[in-house]
Amino acid sequence: GAADLIKLAMIKIDESLEKNDLKVDYYYKYMMN
């Protein structure tokens, strides 16, 4: 149902945000070195 779709969307958003956080971490580490 709609609730399941929303849950899936939220999970995908969380995953993408985590990946972006990792990219930012790598970026800052790279820039600091």
PDB file of N, CA and C in Angstrom:
ATOM      1  N   GLY A   1       0.821  -1.209   0.000  1.00  0.00           N
ATOM      2  CA  GLY A   1       0.000   0.000   0.000  1.00  0.00           C
ATOM      3  C   GLY A   1       0.855   1.260   0.000  1.00  0.00           C
ATOM      4  N   ALA A   2       0.193   2.392   0.141  1.00  0.00           N
ATOM      5  CA  ALA A   2       0.899   3.677   0.109  1.00  0.00           C
ATOM      6  C   ALA A   2       1.934   3.760   1.229  1.00  0.00           C
ATOM      7  N   ALA A   3       1.579   3.249   2.401  1.00  0.00           N
ATOM      8  CA  ALA A   3       2.509   3.315   3.533  1.00  0.00           C
ATOM      9  C   ALA A   3       3.796   2.558   3.215  1.00  0.00           C
ATOM     10  N   ASP A   4       3.661   1.407   2.551  1.00  0.00           N
ATOM     11  CA  ASP A   4       4.850   0.632   2.198  1.00  0.00           C
ATOM     12  C   ASP A   4       5.722   1.406   1.218  1.00  0.00           C
ATOM     13  N   LEU A   5       5.080   2.069   0.247  1.00  0.00           N
ATOM     14  CA  LEU A   5       5.849   2.852  -0.725  1.00  0.00           C
ATOM     15  C   LEU A   5       6.584   3.985  -0.029  1.00  0.00           C
ATOM     16  N   ILE A   6       5.911   4.610   0.930  1.00  0.00           N
ATOM     17  CA  ILE A   6       6.543   5.708   1.668  1.00  0.00           C
ATOM     18  C   ILE A   6       7.739   5.178   2.457  1.00  0.00           C
ATOM     19  N   LYS A   7       7.559   4.012   3.092  1.00  0.00           N
ATOM     20  CA  LYS A   7       8.668   3.434   3.857  1.00  0.00           C
ATOM     21  C   LYS A   7       9.858   3.152   2.948  1.00  0.00           C
ATOM     22  N   LEU A   8       9.575   2.570   1.768  1.00  0.00           N
ATOM     23  CA  LEU A   8      10.663   2.286   0.831  1.00  0.00           C
ATOM     24  C   LEU A   8      11.346   3.570   0.403  1.00  0.00           C
ATOM     25  N   ALA A   9      10.569   4.596   0.134  1.00  0.00           N
ATOM     26  CA  ALA A   9      11.141   5.872  -0.289  1.00  0.00           C
ATOM     27  C   ALA A   9      12.022   6.442   0.810  1.00  0.00           C
ATOM     28  N   MET A  10      11.558   6.363   2.049  1.00  0.00           N
ATOM     29  CA  MET A  10      12.342   6.896   3.162  1.00  0.00           C
ATOM     30  C   MET A  10      13.647   6.124   3.307  1.00  0.00           C
ATOM     31  N   ILE A  11      13.584   4.799   3.146  1.00  0.00           N
ATOM     32  CA  ILE A  11      14.797   3.989   3.249  1.00  0.00           C
ATOM     33  C   ILE A  11      15.780   4.393   2.158  1.00  0.00           C
ATOM     34  N   LYS A  12      15.280   4.559   0.928  1.00  0.00           N
ATOM     35  CA  LYS A  12      16.171   4.938  -0.170  1.00  0.00           C
ATOM     36  C   LYS A  12      16.779   6.305   0.088  1.00  0.00           C
ATOM     37  N   ILE A  13      15.984   7.233   0.622  1.00  0.00           N
ATOM     38  CA  ILE A  13      16.499   8.571   0.927  1.00  0.00           C
ATOM     39  C   ILE A  13      17.587   8.475   1.992  1.00  0.00           C
ATOM     40  N   ASP A  14      17.325   7.673   3.040  1.00  0.00           N
ATOM     41  CA  ASP A  14      18.323   7.510   4.097  1.00  0.00           C
ATOM     42  C   ASP A  14      19.618   6.954   3.518  1.00  0.00           C
ATOM     43  N   GLU A  15      19.501   5.943   2.637  1.00  0.00           N
ATOM     44  CA  GLU A  15      20.698   5.338   2.051  1.00  0.00           C
ATOM     45  C   GLU A  15      21.465   6.356   1.226  1.00  0.00           C
ATOM     46  N   SER A  16      20.739   7.152   0.440  1.00  0.00           N
ATOM     47  CA  SER A  16      21.418   8.135  -0.404  1.00  0.00           C
ATOM     48  C   SER A  16      22.089   9.201   0.453  1.00  0.00           C
ATOM     49  N   LEU A  17      21.444   9.572   1.571  1.00  0.00           N
ATOM     50  CA  LEU A  17      22.050  10.566   2.450  1.00  0.00           C
ATOM     51  C   LEU A  17      23.314  10.005   3.081  1.00  0.00           C
ATOM     52  N   GLU A  18      23.275   8.723   3.467  1.00  0.00           N
ATOM     53  CA  GLU A  18      24.467   8.113   4.050  1.00  0.00           C
ATOM     54  C   GLU A  18      25.603   8.109   3.037  1.00  0.00           C
ATOM     55  N   LYS A  19      25.296   7.780   1.776  1.00  0.00           N
ATOM     56  CA  LYS A  19      26.331   7.778   0.746  1.00  0.00           C
ATOM     57  C   LYS A  19      26.887   9.177   0.557  1.00  0.00           C
ATOM     58  N   ASN A  20      26.018  10.177   0.578  1.00  0.00           N
ATOM     59  CA  ASN A  20      26.481  11.553   0.417  1.00  0.00           C
ATOM     60  C   ASN A  20      27.369  11.947   1.585  1.00  0.00           C
ATOM     61  N   ASP A  21      27.009  11.505   2.807  1.00  0.00           N
ATOM     62  CA  ASP A  21      27.837  11.811   3.970  1.00  0.00           C
ATOM     63  C   ASP A  21      29.227  11.204   3.799  1.00  0.00           C
ATOM     64  N   LEU A  22      29.287   9.968   3.273  1.00  0.00           N
ATOM     65  CA  LEU A  22      30.584   9.344   3.052  1.00  0.00           C
ATOM     66  C   LEU A  22      31.386  10.136   2.039  1.00  0.00           C
ATOM     67  N   LYS A  23      30.735  10.580   0.971  1.00  0.00           N
ATOM     68  CA  LYS A  23      31.432  11.372  -0.041  1.00  0.00           C
ATOM     69  C   LYS A  23      31.971  12.649   0.579  1.00  0.00           C
ATOM     70  N   VAL A  24      31.188  13.279   1.427  1.00  0.00           N
ATOM     71  CA  VAL A  24      31.630  14.516   2.074  1.00  0.00           C
ATOM     72  C   VAL A  24      32.821  14.223   2.977  1.00  0.00           C
ATOM     73  N   ASP A  25      32.757  13.118   3.729  1.00  0.00           N
ATOM     74  CA  ASP A  25      33.868  12.758   4.609  1.00  0.00           C
ATOM     75  C   ASP A  25      35.145  12.565   3.802  1.00  0.00           C
ATOM     76  N   TYR A  26      35.043  11.811   2.705  1.00  0.00           N
ATOM     77  CA  TYR A  26      36.219  11.587   1.870  1.00  0.00           C
ATOM     78  C   TYR A  26      36.739  12.904   1.306  1.00  0.00           C
ATOM     79  N   TYR A  27      35.797  13.756   0.903  1.00  0.00           N
ATOM     80  CA  TYR A  27      36.178  15.049   0.323  1.00  0.00           C
ATOM     81  C   TYR A  27      36.967  15.873   1.330  1.00  0.00           C
ATOM     82  N   TYR A  28      36.440  15.948   2.569  1.00  0.00           N
ATOM     83  CA  TYR A  28      37.134  16.753   3.577  1.00  0.00           C
ATOM     84  C   TYR A  28      38.480  16.137   3.933  1.00  0.00           C
ATOM     85  N   LYS A  29      38.535  14.815   4.041  1.00  0.00           N
ATOM     86  CA  LYS A  29      39.809  14.167   4.352  1.00  0.00           C
ATOM     87  C   LYS A  29      40.818  14.435   3.246  1.00  0.00           C
ATOM     88  N   TYR A  30      40.349  14.361   1.996  1.00  0.00           N
ATOM     89  CA  TYR A  30      41.232  14.605   0.858  1.00  0.00           C
ATOM     90  C   TYR A  30      41.739  16.038   0.882  1.00  0.00           C
ATOM     91  N   MET A  31      40.838  16.982   1.175  1.00  0.00           N
ATOM     92  CA  MET A  31      41.219  18.391   1.178  1.00  0.00           C
ATOM     93  C   MET A  31      42.154  18.714   2.337  1.00  0.00           C
ATOM     94  N   MET A  32      41.997  18.013   3.459  1.00  0.00           N
ATOM     95  CA  MET A  32      42.822  18.304   4.630  1.00  0.00           C
ATOM     96  C   MET A  32      44.242  17.782   4.447  1.00  0.00           C
ATOM     97  N   ASN A  33      44.404  16.712   3.675  1.00  0.00           N
ATOM     98  CA  ASN A  33      45.731  16.124   3.500  1.00  0.00           C
ATOM     99  C   ASN A  33      46.583  16.941   2.554  1.00  0.00           C
TER     100      ASN A  33
END
